[in-house]
C-alpha atoms as a PDB file:
ATOM      1  CA  MET A   1     111.898 115.513  68.084  1.00  0.00           C
ATOM      2  CA  THR A   2     115.227 113.585  67.078  1.00  0.00           C
ATOM      3  CA  ALA A   3     118.897 114.430  68.257  1.00  0.00           C
ATOM      4  CA  GLY A   4     121.574 112.332  68.629  1.00  0.00           C
ATOM      5  CA  LYS A   5     121.895 109.123  70.270  1.00  0.00           C
ATOM      6  CA  GLY A   6     119.551 107.593  72.817  1.00  0.00           C
ATOM      7  CA  PRO A   7     116.264 105.861  73.369  1.00  0.00           C
ATOM      8  CA  VAL A   8     113.277 106.524  71.833  1.00  0.00           C
ATOM      9  CA  VAL A   9     110.103 107.268  74.078  1.00  0.00           C
ATOM     10  CA  ALA A  10     106.438 107.398  72.895  1.00  0.00           C
ATOM     11  CA  ILE A  11     103.668 109.430  75.105  1.00  0.00           C
ATOM     12  CA  VAL A  12     100.357 107.762  74.163  1.00  0.00           C
ATOM     13  CA  GLY A  13      97.350 110.491  75.121  1.00  0.00           C
ATOM     14  CA  ALA A  14      99.857 112.986  74.135  1.00  0.00           C
ATOM     15  CA  THR A  15      96.667 115.506  74.210  1.00  0.00           C
ATOM     16  CA  GLY A  16      94.992 115.128  77.033  1.00  0.00           C
ATOM     17  CA  ALA A  17      95.428 116.462  80.353  1.00  0.00           C
ATOM     18  CA  VAL A  18      97.698 113.963  82.049  1.00  0.00           C
ATOM     19  CA  GLY A  19      99.846 113.663  78.571  1.00  0.00           C
ATOM     20  CA  THR A  20     100.190 117.509  78.511  1.00  0.00           C
ATOM     21  CA  THR A  21     101.452 117.784  81.893  1.00  0.00           C
ATOM     22  CA  MET A  22     103.836 114.938  81.057  1.00  0.00           C
ATOM     23  CA  ILE A  23     105.011 117.302  78.305  1.00  0.00           C
ATOM     24  CA  ASP A  24     105.208 119.913  80.248  1.00  0.00           C
ATOM     25  CA  ILE A  25     107.483 117.848  82.810  1.00  0.00           C
ATOM     26  CA  ILE A  26     109.596 117.048  79.819  1.00  0.00           C
ATOM     27  CA  ASP A  27     110.146 120.285  78.772  1.00  0.00           C
ATOM     28  CA  ALA A  28     111.340 121.302  82.569  1.00  0.00           C
ATOM     29  CA  ARG A  29     113.981 118.787  82.764  1.00  0.00           C
ATOM     30  CA  GLU A  30     117.478 120.427  82.125  1.00  0.00           C
ATOM     31  CA  THR A  31     118.452 117.054  80.199  1.00  0.00           C
ATOM     32  CA  VAL A  32     116.557 114.187  78.826  1.00  0.00           C
ATOM     33  CA  PRO A  33     117.978 110.847  77.830  1.00  0.00           C
ATOM     34  CA  TRP A  34     115.680 110.599  74.803  1.00  0.00           C
ATOM     35  CA  SER A  35     116.852 110.894  70.911  1.00  0.00           C
ATOM     36  CA  GLU A  36     113.299 111.116  69.881  1.00  0.00           C
ATOM     37  CA  ILE A  37     109.883 112.044  71.332  1.00  0.00           C
ATOM     38  CA  ARG A  38     106.930 110.424  69.649  1.00  0.00           C
ATOM     39  CA  LEU A  39     103.493 111.816  70.428  1.00  0.00           C
ATOM     40  CA  VAL A  40     100.628 109.649  69.738  1.00  0.00           C
ATOM     41  CA  ALA A  41      96.967 109.673  69.614  1.00  0.00           C
ATOM     42  CA  SER A  42      93.584 109.061  68.583  1.00  0.00           C
ATOM     43  CA  ALA A  43      92.386 109.800  64.888  1.00  0.00           C
ATOM     44  CA  ARG A  44      90.691 112.803  66.814  1.00  0.00           C
ATOM     45  CA  SER A  45      93.740 114.187  67.758  1.00  0.00           C
ATOM     46  CA  ALA A  46      96.630 112.815  64.959  1.00  0.00           C
ATOM     47  CA  GLY A  47      97.847 115.381  63.007  1.00  0.00           C
ATOM     48  CA  LYS A  48      98.006 118.107  65.557  1.00  0.00           C
ATOM     49  CA  VAL A  49     101.148 119.893  66.164  1.00  0.00           C
ATOM     50  CA  LEU A  50     102.385 120.366  69.857  1.00  0.00           C
ATOM     51  CA  LYS A  51     105.623 121.924  71.196  1.00  0.00           C
ATOM     52  CA  VAL A  52     108.154 119.450  72.932  1.00  0.00           C
ATOM     53  CA  ARG A  53     111.522 120.781  74.055  1.00  0.00           C
ATOM     54  CA  GLY A  54     110.987 123.877  71.945  1.00  0.00           C
ATOM     55  CA  GLU A  55     110.668 121.549  68.706  1.00  0.00           C
ATOM     56  CA  ASP A  56     107.181 121.192  66.606  1.00  0.00           C
ATOM     57  CA  VAL A  57     106.397 117.904  66.862  1.00  0.00           C
ATOM     58  CA  THR A  58     103.551 116.308  64.759  1.00  0.00           C
ATOM     59  CA  VAL A  59     100.729 113.790  66.667  1.00  0.00           C
ATOM     60  CA  ARG A  60     100.827 110.461  65.152  1.00  0.00           C
ATOM     61  CA  LEU A  61      98.070 108.131  65.023  1.00  0.00           C
ATOM     62  CA  LEU A  62      97.864 105.117  67.366  1.00  0.00           C
ATOM     63  CA  GLU A  63      98.755 102.031  65.162  1.00  0.00           C
ATOM     64  CA  PRO A  64     100.804  99.345  65.619  1.00  0.00           C
ATOM     65  CA  GLU A  65     103.390 100.434  63.147  1.00  0.00           C
ATOM     66  CA  VAL A  66     103.861 103.976  65.568  1.00  0.00           C
ATOM     67  CA  PHE A  67     105.917 101.657  67.933  1.00  0.00           C
ATOM     68  CA  ASP A  68     108.632 100.294  65.761  1.00  0.00           C
ATOM     69  CA  GLY A  69     111.775 101.617  66.889  1.00  0.00           C
ATOM     70  CA  VAL A  70     110.281 102.848  70.162  1.00  0.00           C
ATOM     71  CA  ASP A  71     112.208 101.903  73.419  1.00  0.00           C
ATOM     72  CA  VAL A  72     109.707 103.249  76.439  1.00  0.00           C
ATOM     73  CA  ALA A  73     105.959 104.077  75.603  1.00  0.00           C
ATOM     74  CA  LEU A  74     104.137 105.940  77.978  1.00  0.00           C
ATOM     75  CA  PHE A  75     100.650 105.097  78.084  1.00  0.00           C
ATOM     76  CA  ASP A  76      98.202 108.148  79.271  1.00  0.00           C
ATOM     77  CA  VAL A  77      94.554 106.457  77.952  1.00  0.00           C
ATOM     78  CA  PRO A  78      91.667 104.865  79.420  1.00  0.00           C
ATOM     79  CA  ASP A  79      92.011 101.422  80.956  1.00  0.00           C
ATOM     80  CA  GLU A  80      90.232  99.610  77.817  1.00  0.00           C
ATOM     81  CA  ILE A  81      92.776 101.615  75.643  1.00  0.00           C
ATOM     82  CA  SER A  82      95.589 100.417  77.492  1.00  0.00           C
ATOM     83  CA  ALA A  83      94.683  97.062  77.954  1.00  0.00           C
ATOM     84  CA  GLU A  84      94.172  96.748  74.011  1.00  0.00           C
ATOM     85  CA  TRP A  85      97.276  98.527  73.266  1.00  0.00           C
ATOM     86  CA  ALA A  86     100.381  98.803  76.128  1.00  0.00           C
ATOM     87  CA  PRO A  87     100.636  94.637  74.819  1.00  0.00           C
ATOM     88  CA  ILE A  88     101.110  95.487  71.550  1.00  0.00           C
ATOM     89  CA  ALA A  89     103.422  98.101  72.233  1.00  0.00           C
ATOM     90  CA  ALA A  90     105.350  95.583  73.986  1.00  0.00           C
ATOM     91  CA  ALA A  91     105.476  93.050  71.490  1.00  0.00           C
ATOM     92  CA  ARG A  92     107.093  95.733  69.277  1.00  0.00           C
ATOM     93  CA  GLY A  93     110.010  95.664  71.714  1.00  0.00           C
ATOM     94  CA  ALA A  94     108.842  98.585  73.746  1.00  0.00           C
ATOM     95  CA  VAL A  95     108.792  98.784  77.322  1.00  0.00           C
ATOM     96  CA  ALA A  96     104.843  99.605  78.172  1.00  0.00           C
ATOM     97  CA  VAL A  97     104.734 102.178  81.173  1.00  0.00           C
ATOM     98  CA  ASP A  98     101.011 102.386  81.925  1.00  0.00           C
ATOM     99  CA  ASN A  99      99.212 105.144  83.684  1.00  0.00           C
ATOM    100  CA  SER A 100      95.538 103.108  84.001  1.00  0.00           C
ATOM    101  CA  GLY A 101      94.326 100.685  86.262  1.00  0.00           C
ATOM    102  CA  ALA A 102      94.432  98.194  83.475  1.00  0.00           C
ATOM    103  CA  PHE A 103      97.491  96.161  84.718  1.00  0.00           C
ATOM    104  CA  ARG A 104      98.318  97.357  88.375  1.00  0.00           C
ATOM    105  CA  MET A 105      97.219  94.308  90.088  1.00  0.00           C
ATOM    106  CA  ASP A 106      98.254  91.798  87.708  1.00  0.00           C
ATOM    107  CA  PRO A 107     101.089  89.957  89.127  1.00  0.00           C
ATOM    108  CA  ASP A 108     103.151  89.665  86.332  1.00  0.00           C
ATOM    109  CA  VAL A 109     103.605  93.655  86.423  1.00  0.00           C
ATOM    110  CA  PRO A 110     105.383  95.481  88.452  1.00  0.00           C
ATOM    111  CA  LEU A 111     103.714  98.541  90.260  1.00  0.00           C
ATOM    112  CA  VAL A 112     106.382 100.911  90.660  1.00  0.00           C
ATOM    113  CA  VAL A 113     107.290 103.903  92.898  1.00  0.00           C
ATOM    114  CA  PRO A 114     110.563 105.029  92.316  1.00  0.00           C
ATOM    115  CA  GLU A 115     111.578 106.538  95.696  1.00  0.00           C
ATOM    116  CA  VAL A 116     110.227 103.363  96.778  1.00  0.00           C
ATOM    117  CA  ASN A 117     110.567 100.079  94.881  1.00  0.00           C
ATOM    118  CA  ALA A 118     112.311 100.967  91.805  1.00  0.00           C
ATOM    119  CA  ASP A 119     114.073  97.817  91.648  1.00  0.00           C
ATOM    120  CA  LYS A 120     110.659  96.297  90.557  1.00  0.00           C
ATOM    121  CA  ALA A 121     110.967  98.086  87.173  1.00  0.00           C
ATOM    122  CA  ALA A 122     113.675  95.566  86.238  1.00  0.00           C
ATOM    123  CA  ASP A 123     111.094  92.330  86.700  1.00  0.00           C
ATOM    124  CA  ARG A 124     108.458  92.972  83.641  1.00  0.00           C
ATOM    125  CA  PRO A 125     107.604  89.496  82.145  1.00  0.00           C
ATOM    126  CA  LYS A 126     105.070  91.300  80.271  1.00  0.00           C
ATOM    127  CA  GLY A 127     106.754  94.366  79.177  1.00  0.00           C
ATOM    128  CA  ILE A 128     104.721  96.134  80.922  1.00  0.00           C
ATOM    129  CA  ILE A 129     104.809  98.278  84.410  1.00  0.00           C
ATOM    130  CA  ALA A 130     102.155  99.992  85.804  1.00  0.00           C
ATOM    131  CA  ASN A 131     101.531 103.138  87.369  1.00  0.00           C
ATOM    132  CA  PRO A 132      99.723 103.655  91.126  1.00  0.00           C
ATOM    133  CA  ASN A 133      96.437 105.509  91.370  1.00  0.00           C
ATOM    134  CA  CYS A 134      96.925 109.128  92.256  1.00  0.00           C
ATOM    135  CA  THR A 135      95.170 108.773  95.538  1.00  0.00           C
ATOM    136  CA  THR A 136      97.809 106.017  96.569  1.00  0.00           C
ATOM    137  CA  LEU A 137     100.843 107.856  95.020  1.00  0.00           C
ATOM    138  CA  SER A 138     100.162 111.145  97.061  1.00  0.00           C
ATOM    139  CA  MET A 139     100.903 109.349 100.194  1.00  0.00           C
ATOM    140  CA  MET A 140     103.639 106.485  98.940  1.00  0.00           C
ATOM    141  CA  ALA A 141     107.054 108.584  99.017  1.00  0.00           C
ATOM    142  CA  ALA A 142     106.128 109.466 102.541  1.00  0.00           C
ATOM    143  CA  MET A 143     104.708 105.867 103.634  1.00  0.00           C
ATOM    144  CA  GLY A 144     107.711 104.130 101.782  1.00  0.00           C
ATOM    145  CA  ALA A 145     110.581 106.234 103.508  1.00  0.00           C
ATOM    146  CA  LEU A 146     109.177 105.740 106.917  1.00  0.00           C
ATOM    147  CA  HIS A 147     108.287 102.023 106.130  1.00  0.00           C
ATOM    148  CA  ARG A 148     111.862 101.605 105.554  1.00  0.00           C
ATOM    149  CA  GLU A 149     112.953 103.104 108.900  1.00  0.00           C
ATOM    150  CA  PHE A 150     109.996 101.952 111.157  1.00  0.00           C
ATOM    151  CA  GLY A 151     108.249  98.915 109.534  1.00  0.00           C
ATOM    152  CA  LEU A 152     104.637  99.998 108.522  1.00  0.00           C
ATOM    153  CA  GLU A 153     102.142  97.506 109.821  1.00  0.00           C
ATOM    154  CA  ALA A 154      99.075  99.331 109.380  1.00  0.00           C
ATOM    155  CA  LEU A 155      97.338 102.416 107.401  1.00  0.00           C
ATOM    156  CA  VAL A 156      93.975 104.198 108.371  1.00  0.00           C
ATOM    157  CA  VAL A 157      93.540 106.503 105.682  1.00  0.00           C
ATOM    158  CA  SER A 158      90.824 109.531 104.722  1.00  0.00           C
ATOM    159  CA  SER A 159      91.519 110.876 101.456  1.00  0.00           C
ATOM    160  CA  TYR A 160      90.333 114.245 100.116  1.00  0.00           C
ATOM    161  CA  GLN A 161      90.150 114.139  96.084  1.00  0.00           C
ATOM    162  CA  ALA A 162      90.377 116.786  93.839  1.00  0.00           C
ATOM    163  CA  ALA A 163      87.480 116.998  90.884  1.00  0.00           C
ATOM    164  CA  SER A 164      90.586 116.363  88.430  1.00  0.00           C
ATOM    165  CA  GLY A 165      90.651 113.110  89.662  1.00  0.00           C
ATOM    166  CA  ALA A 166      87.513 112.222  87.325  1.00  0.00           C
ATOM    167  CA  GLY A 167      89.647 114.029  84.305  1.00  0.00           C
ATOM    168  CA  GLN A 168      88.727 117.328  82.499  1.00  0.00           C
ATOM    169  CA  PRO A 169      85.152 116.513  82.814  1.00  0.00           C
ATOM    170  CA  GLY A 170      85.456 116.873  86.686  1.00  0.00           C
ATOM    171  CA  ILE A 171      87.305 120.231  86.346  1.00  0.00           C
ATOM    172  CA  ASP A 172      84.787 121.531  83.961  1.00  0.00           C
ATOM    173  CA  ARG A 173      81.875 120.365  86.151  1.00  0.00           C
ATOM    174  CA  LEU A 174      83.327 121.785  89.413  1.00  0.00           C
ATOM    175  CA  GLN A 175      83.984 125.140  87.605  1.00  0.00           C
ATOM    176  CA  ALA A 176      80.102 125.342  86.229  1.00  0.00           C
ATOM    177  CA  GLU A 177      78.925 124.471  89.432  1.00  0.00           C
ATOM    178  CA  LEU A 178      81.124 127.157  90.994  1.00  0.00           C
ATOM    179  CA  SER A 179      79.743 129.873  88.488  1.00  0.00           C
ATOM    180  CA  ALA A 180      76.426 128.657  89.228  1.00  0.00           C
ATOM    181  CA  VAL A 181      76.192 129.443  93.531  1.00  0.00           C
ATOM    182  CA  ALA A 182      78.897 132.355  92.863  1.00  0.00           C
ATOM    183  CA  GLY A 183      77.175 135.148  94.718  1.00  0.00           C
ATOM    184  CA  LYS A 184      74.078 133.470  95.819  1.00  0.00           C
ATOM    185  CA  ASP A 185      72.695 132.936  99.082  1.00  0.00           C
ATOM    186  CA  VAL A 186      72.750 128.984  98.903  1.00  0.00           C
ATOM    187  CA  GLY A 187      74.516 126.552 101.381  1.00  0.00           C
ATOM    188  CA  GLN A 188      72.056 127.092 103.842  1.00  0.00           C
ATOM    189  CA  LYS A 189      69.302 124.806 103.371  1.00  0.00           C
ATOM    190  CA  ALA A 190      69.038 120.937 102.255  1.00  0.00           C
ATOM    191  CA  GLY A 191      68.926 120.963  98.617  1.00  0.00           C
ATOM    192  CA  ASP A 192      69.334 124.598  97.861  1.00  0.00           C
ATOM    193  CA  VAL A 193      72.707 124.268  96.049  1.00  0.00           C
ATOM    194  CA  ALA A 194      71.414 121.539  94.033  1.00  0.00           C
ATOM    195  CA  ALA A 195      68.249 123.897  93.087  1.00  0.00           C
ATOM    196  CA  ALA A 196      71.075 126.462  92.045  1.00  0.00           C
ATOM    197  CA  LEU A 197      72.632 124.173  89.729  1.00  0.00           C
ATOM    198  CA  ALA A 198      69.313 123.430  88.164  1.00  0.00           C
ATOM    199  CA  GLU A 199      68.122 126.457  87.689  1.00  0.00           C
ATOM    200  CA  ALA A 200      71.476 127.499  86.198  1.00  0.00           C
ATOM    201  CA  GLY A 201      70.845 124.765  83.430  1.00  0.00           C
ATOM    202  CA  LEU A 202      73.515 122.025  85.103  1.00  0.00           C
ATOM    203  CA  GLY A 203      71.678 118.811  84.812  1.00  0.00           C
ATOM    204  CA  THR A 204      72.651 115.324  86.781  1.00  0.00           C
ATOM    205  CA  ASP A 205      74.969 113.971  83.953  1.00  0.00           C
ATOM    206  CA  SER A 206      77.920 114.913  86.285  1.00  0.00           C
ATOM    207  CA  PRO A 207      81.056 112.614  86.887  1.00  0.00           C
ATOM    208  CA  PHE A 208      80.186 113.088  90.791  1.00  0.00           C
ATOM    209  CA  PRO A 209      77.084 111.413  92.459  1.00  0.00           C
ATOM    210  CA  ALA A 210      75.941 114.886  94.442  1.00  0.00           C
ATOM    211  CA  PRO A 211      76.767 118.419  93.841  1.00  0.00           C
ATOM    212  CA  LEU A 212      80.679 119.050  94.378  1.00  0.00           C
ATOM    213  CA  ALA A 213      79.987 123.197  95.055  1.00  0.00           C
ATOM    214  CA  LEU A 214      80.074 124.162  98.708  1.00  0.00           C
ATOM    215  CA  ASN A 215      80.068 120.523  99.242  1.00  0.00           C
ATOM    216  CA  VAL A 216      82.058 117.435 100.227  1.00  0.00           C
ATOM    217  CA  VAL A 217      80.833 114.101  98.474  1.00  0.00           C
ATOM    218  CA  PRO A 218      81.791 110.872 100.527  1.00  0.00           C
ATOM    219  CA  TRP A 219      82.414 108.957  97.086  1.00  0.00           C
ATOM    220  CA  ALA A 220      84.968 108.448  94.722  1.00  0.00           C
ATOM    221  CA  GLY A 221      85.099 105.336  92.200  1.00  0.00           C
ATOM    222  CA  SER A 222      82.621 102.767  91.206  1.00  0.00           C
ATOM    223  CA  VAL A 223      80.541 100.529  93.528  1.00  0.00           C
ATOM    224  CA  LYS A 224      82.088  97.397  95.143  1.00  0.00           C
ATOM    225  CA  GLU A 225      81.345  94.648  97.376  1.00  0.00           C
ATOM    226  CA  ASP A 226      80.335  95.568 100.932  1.00  0.00           C
ATOM    227  CA  GLY A 227      79.770  99.329 100.491  1.00  0.00           C
ATOM    228  CA  TRP A 228      83.370 100.103  99.014  1.00  0.00           C
ATOM    229  CA  SER A 229      84.248 101.879  96.359  1.00  0.00           C
ATOM    230  CA  SER A 230      86.959 101.188  93.675  1.00  0.00           C
ATOM    231  CA  GLU A 231      88.868 103.933  94.861  1.00  0.00           C
ATOM    232  CA  GLU A 232      89.201 102.864  98.465  1.00  0.00           C
ATOM    233  CA  LEU A 233      89.938  98.779  97.605  1.00  0.00           C
ATOM    234  CA  LYS A 234      92.732 100.450  95.180  1.00  0.00           C
ATOM    235  CA  VAL A 235      94.482 102.437  98.260  1.00  0.00           C
ATOM    236  CA  ARG A 236      94.495  99.444  99.821  1.00  0.00           C
ATOM    237  CA  ASN A 237      95.565  96.924  97.432  1.00  0.00           C
ATOM    238  CA  GLU A 238      98.100  99.397  95.710  1.00  0.00           C
ATOM    239  CA  SER A 239      99.796  99.866  98.905  1.00  0.00           C
ATOM    240  CA  ARG A 240     100.095  96.516  99.730  1.00  0.00           C
ATOM    241  CA  LYS A 241     101.843  95.739  96.384  1.00  0.00           C
ATOM    242  CA  ILE A 242     103.912  98.843  96.174  1.00  0.00           C
ATOM    243  CA  LEU A 243     105.554  98.441 100.110  1.00  0.00           C
ATOM    244  CA  GLY A 244     106.003  94.734  99.379  1.00  0.00           C
ATOM    245  CA  ILE A 245     103.952  93.935 102.550  1.00  0.00           C
ATOM    246  CA  PRO A 246     100.877  91.646 101.177  1.00  0.00           C
ATOM    247  CA  ASP A 247      99.284  91.703 104.692  1.00  0.00           C
ATOM    248  CA  LEU A 248      99.168  95.087 105.376  1.00  0.00           C
ATOM    249  CA  LYS A 249      96.225  96.433 107.169  1.00  0.00           C
ATOM    250  CA  VAL A 250      94.641  99.092 105.388  1.00  0.00           C
ATOM    251  CA  SER A 251      91.149 101.032 105.615  1.00  0.00           C
ATOM    252  CA  ALA A 252      90.700 103.962 103.446  1.00  0.00           C
ATOM    253  CA  THR A 253      87.709 106.360 102.830  1.00  0.00           C
ATOM    254  CA  CYS A 254      87.620 108.129  99.719  1.00  0.00           C
ATOM    255  CA  VAL A 255      86.182 111.868  99.512  1.00  0.00           C
ATOM    256  CA  ARG A 256      85.830 114.230  96.857  1.00  0.00           C
ATOM    257  CA  VAL A 257      85.966 117.921  97.725  1.00  0.00           C
ATOM    258  CA  PRO A 258      85.642 120.763  95.757  1.00  0.00           C
ATOM    259  CA  VAL A 259      89.384 121.539  94.776  1.00  0.00           C
ATOM    260  CA  VAL A 260      90.627 121.525  91.333  1.00  0.00           C
ATOM    261  CA  THR A 261      93.892 119.706  91.348  1.00  0.00           C
ATOM    262  CA  THR A 262      95.845 118.396  94.098  1.00  0.00           C
ATOM    263  CA  HIS A 263      94.676 115.281  96.112  1.00  0.00           C
ATOM    264  CA  ALA A 264      94.994 115.562 100.545  1.00  0.00           C
ATOM    265  CA  LEU A 265      95.309 112.505 102.511  1.00  0.00           C
ATOM    266  CA  ALA A 266      94.906 112.353 106.309  1.00  0.00           C
ATOM    267  CA  VAL A 267      96.937 109.125 107.613  1.00  0.00           C
ATOM    268  CA  HIS A 268      97.134 107.258 110.691  1.00  0.00           C
ATOM    269  CA  ALA A 269     100.148 105.097 110.349  1.00  0.00           C
ATOM    270  CA  THR A 270     101.071 102.345 112.783  1.00  0.00           C
ATOM    271  CA  PHE A 271     104.805 100.863 112.799  1.00  0.00           C
ATOM    272  CA  GLY A 272     106.157  97.848 114.105  1.00  0.00           C
ATOM    273  CA  ARG A 273     109.248  99.679 115.667  1.00  0.00           C
ATOM    274  CA  GLU A 274     108.987 102.518 117.817  1.00  0.00           C
ATOM    275  CA  ILE A 275     108.675 105.931 116.574  1.00  0.00           C
ATOM    276  CA  THR A 276     109.090 109.496 117.372  1.00  0.00           C
ATOM    277  CA  VAL A 277     107.616 112.885 115.775  1.00  0.00           C
ATOM    278  CA  ASP A 278     111.101 114.216 115.467  1.00  0.00           C
ATOM    279  CA  ALA A 279     112.717 110.744 114.000  1.00  0.00           C
ATOM    280  CA  ALA A 280     109.873 110.554 111.505  1.00  0.00           C
ATOM    281  CA  ARG A 281     110.395 114.565 110.714  1.00  0.00           C
ATOM    282  CA  LYS A 282     114.066 113.875 110.151  1.00  0.00           C
ATOM    283  CA  VAL A 283     113.645 110.623 107.777  1.00  0.00           C
ATOM    284  CA  LEU A 284     111.069 112.857 105.685  1.00  0.00           C
ATOM    285  CA  SER A 285     113.149 115.814 105.784  1.00  0.00           C
ATOM    286  CA  GLU A 286     115.928 113.921 104.209  1.00  0.00           C
ATOM    287  CA  GLN A 287     114.096 112.707 101.049  1.00  0.00           C
ATOM    288  CA  PRO A 288     114.219 114.469  97.933  1.00  0.00           C
ATOM    289  CA  THR A 289     110.981 114.272  96.901  1.00  0.00           C
ATOM    290  CA  ILE A 290     109.423 115.484  99.826  1.00  0.00           C
ATOM    291  CA  VAL A 291     108.370 118.748 101.744  1.00  0.00           C
ATOM    292  CA  VAL A 292     107.912 118.794 105.426  1.00  0.00           C
ATOM    293  CA  ARG A 293     105.553 121.897 106.309  1.00  0.00           C
ATOM    294  CA  ASP A 294     105.058 120.935 109.615  1.00  0.00           C
ATOM    295  CA  ASP A 295     104.935 124.096 112.201  1.00  0.00           C
ATOM    296  CA  ALA A 296     101.171 124.021 113.806  1.00  0.00           C
ATOM    297  CA  ALA A 297     101.713 127.168 115.911  1.00  0.00           C
ATOM    298  CA  ALA A 298     102.873 129.167 112.970  1.00  0.00           C
ATOM    299  CA  GLY A 299      99.728 127.831 111.110  1.00  0.00           C
ATOM    300  CA  GLU A 300     102.057 126.387 108.426  1.00  0.00           C
ATOM    301  CA  TRP A 301     101.025 123.033 106.855  1.00  0.00           C
ATOM    302  CA  PRO A 302     100.414 122.111 103.204  1.00  0.00           C
ATOM    303  CA  THR A 303      97.228 122.681 101.517  1.00  0.00           C
ATOM    304  CA  PRO A 304      95.969 121.839  98.088  1.00  0.00           C
ATOM    305  CA  ALA A 305      96.297 125.552  97.219  1.00  0.00           C
ATOM    306  CA  ASP A 306      99.709 125.448  98.195  1.00  0.00           C
ATOM    307  CA  VAL A 307     101.329 122.060  96.454  1.00  0.00           C
ATOM    308  CA  VAL A 308      99.130 122.651  92.915  1.00  0.00           C
ATOM    309  CA  GLY A 309     101.628 122.817  90.603  1.00  0.00           C
ATOM    310  CA  ASP A 310     104.494 121.649  92.235  1.00  0.00           C
ATOM    311  CA  ASP A 311     106.455 118.081  91.819  1.00  0.00           C
ATOM    312  CA  PRO A 312     106.910 116.768  95.618  1.00  0.00           C
ATOM    313  CA  THR A 313     104.690 115.301  98.199  1.00  0.00           C
ATOM    314  CA  TRP A 314     104.362 117.723 101.066  1.00  0.00           C
ATOM    315  CA  VAL A 315     103.985 116.525 104.327  1.00  0.00           C
ATOM    316  CA  GLY A 316     102.434 118.077 107.634  1.00  0.00           C
ATOM    317  CA  ARG A 317     100.470 118.022 110.660  1.00  0.00           C
ATOM    318  CA  ILE A 318     102.798 115.119 111.916  1.00  0.00           C
ATOM    319  CA  ARG A 319     101.695 114.073 115.553  1.00  0.00           C
ATOM    320  CA  GLN A 320     102.117 110.974 117.596  1.00  0.00           C
ATOM    321  CA  ALA A 321      98.593 109.118 118.154  1.00  0.00           C
ATOM    322  CA  LEU A 322      97.452 109.923 121.900  1.00  0.00           C
ATOM    323  CA  ASP A 323      95.595 106.696 122.045  1.00  0.00           C
ATOM    324  CA  PHE A 324      97.487 104.296 119.958  1.00  0.00           C
ATOM    325  CA  PRO A 325     101.316 103.246 120.238  1.00  0.00           C
ATOM    326  CA  ASN A 326     103.856 103.751 117.370  1.00  0.00           C
ATOM    327  CA  THR A 327     101.234 105.347 115.350  1.00  0.00           C
ATOM    328  CA  LEU A 328     101.844 108.780 113.795  1.00  0.00           C
ATOM    329  CA  GLU A 329      98.883 110.880 112.130  1.00  0.00           C
ATOM    330  CA  LEU A 330      99.966 112.799 109.228  1.00  0.00           C
ATOM    331  CA  PHE A 331      98.396 115.520 106.581  1.00  0.00           C
ATOM    332  CA  VAL A 332     100.017 114.464 102.684  1.00  0.00           C
ATOM    333  CA  CYS A 333      99.542 116.673  99.916  1.00  0.00           C
ATOM    334  CA  GLY A 334     100.447 115.666  96.095  1.00  0.00           C
ATOM    335  CA  ASP A 335      99.430 117.144  92.745  1.00  0.00           C
ATOM    336  CA  ASN A 336      97.356 114.201  91.344  1.00  0.00           C
ATOM    337  CA  LEU A 337      98.000 115.333  87.665  1.00  0.00           C
ATOM    338  CA  ARG A 338     101.822 115.416  88.095  1.00  0.00           C
ATOM    339  CA  LYS A 339     103.529 113.423  90.851  1.00  0.00           C
ATOM    340  CA  GLY A 340     100.191 111.424  90.921  1.00  0.00           C
ATOM    341  CA  ALA A 341      99.951 110.275  87.200  1.00  0.00           C
ATOM    342  CA  ALA A 342     102.522 111.930  85.045  1.00  0.00           C
ATOM    343  CA  LEU A 343     105.404 112.892  86.677  1.00  0.00           C
ATOM    344  CA  ASN A 344     105.455 109.345  88.072  1.00  0.00           C
ATOM    345  CA  THR A 345     104.743 107.553  84.794  1.00  0.00           C
ATOM    346  CA  TYR A 346     107.852 109.546  83.389  1.00  0.00           C
ATOM    347  CA  GLU A 347     109.993 108.791  86.466  1.00  0.00           C
ATOM    348  CA  ILE A 348     109.360 105.248  85.496  1.00  0.00           C
ATOM    349  CA  ALA A 349     110.668 105.865  82.203  1.00  0.00           C
ATOM    350  CA  GLU A 350     113.698 107.398  83.387  1.00  0.00           C
ATOM    351  CA  THR A 351     114.467 104.689  85.355  1.00  0.00           C
ATOM    352  CA  VAL A 352     113.930 102.148  82.320  1.00  0.00           C
ATOM    353  CA  ALA A 353     116.328 104.124  79.901  1.00  0.00           C
ATOM    354  CA  ALA A 354     118.675 104.270  82.729  1.00  0.00           C
ATOM    355  CA  THR A 355     119.103 100.523  82.044  1.00  0.00           C
ATOM    356  CA  LEU A 356     119.093 100.613  78.078  1.00  0.00           C
END
């Protein structure tokens, strides 16, 4: 796509789940700052033609030369690909905005959520900006807004993470499992769900360590020290870095649930200053990227089925903790492919573009 003057953006991994979601986001914008949008992928996808803002764009091969003339390069690829190619893009003059985990905790790479710490995007000594993990992102707009007003001191989080957090293989596996158990009298005896999956020819080569259909799995990520998972440590470490609270007390339990897309989190948040439900609801309602749906008497609260495909963070079940002062309980939902990945990455790019 080429039209007039303006910066050039490249989307690396344009044919993947997050890359195609990013194209959808760009298509939905009334205006974009880009004079050219380059689509980039591996040899397997190079040469494909995709529509971007009504124009046919041919996907280019990922090679060093593809970054020549690029101002912002968005990476929606696995960690090892980003680790190799984001520095190459930066060396060619682009600001690399990376959605993988390769650079998130690098002290020379800002970890940015534009609603919370957009100013950090300008401090990028390596020419790279990192996008947070989708689980962290699902609550960060809300936590950032409340922290500014009331001074966040501690978080206890339980996540309910969608299958798409494991990529397309996660989606495919969940849908196959749901088909395998549909209409069957299972879920009432230990092992009968696994037996139904085996009978349907679904082996143990799953992205999940246990059946996900008719189940919840108290694990997401890889094994770390002392029984923690990588997802749980990401929530802790990334929240500290984004909010600028290096000693923030955080404990997380990450759970995989049989939802295709949209993560949910139950959040127990303690603040240093007095906070009330009404004050919190007012602060959250004033944020342009947050929707407050919070009327328990009317049965109104956010669920993944309500939020999927939507850009804002949705917040409900706002309660004053009964036994903990200055502490609120909240339930937060965010589409993990949109705000949790593609949208935040793209919003970082727009933040950078405004300074070019």
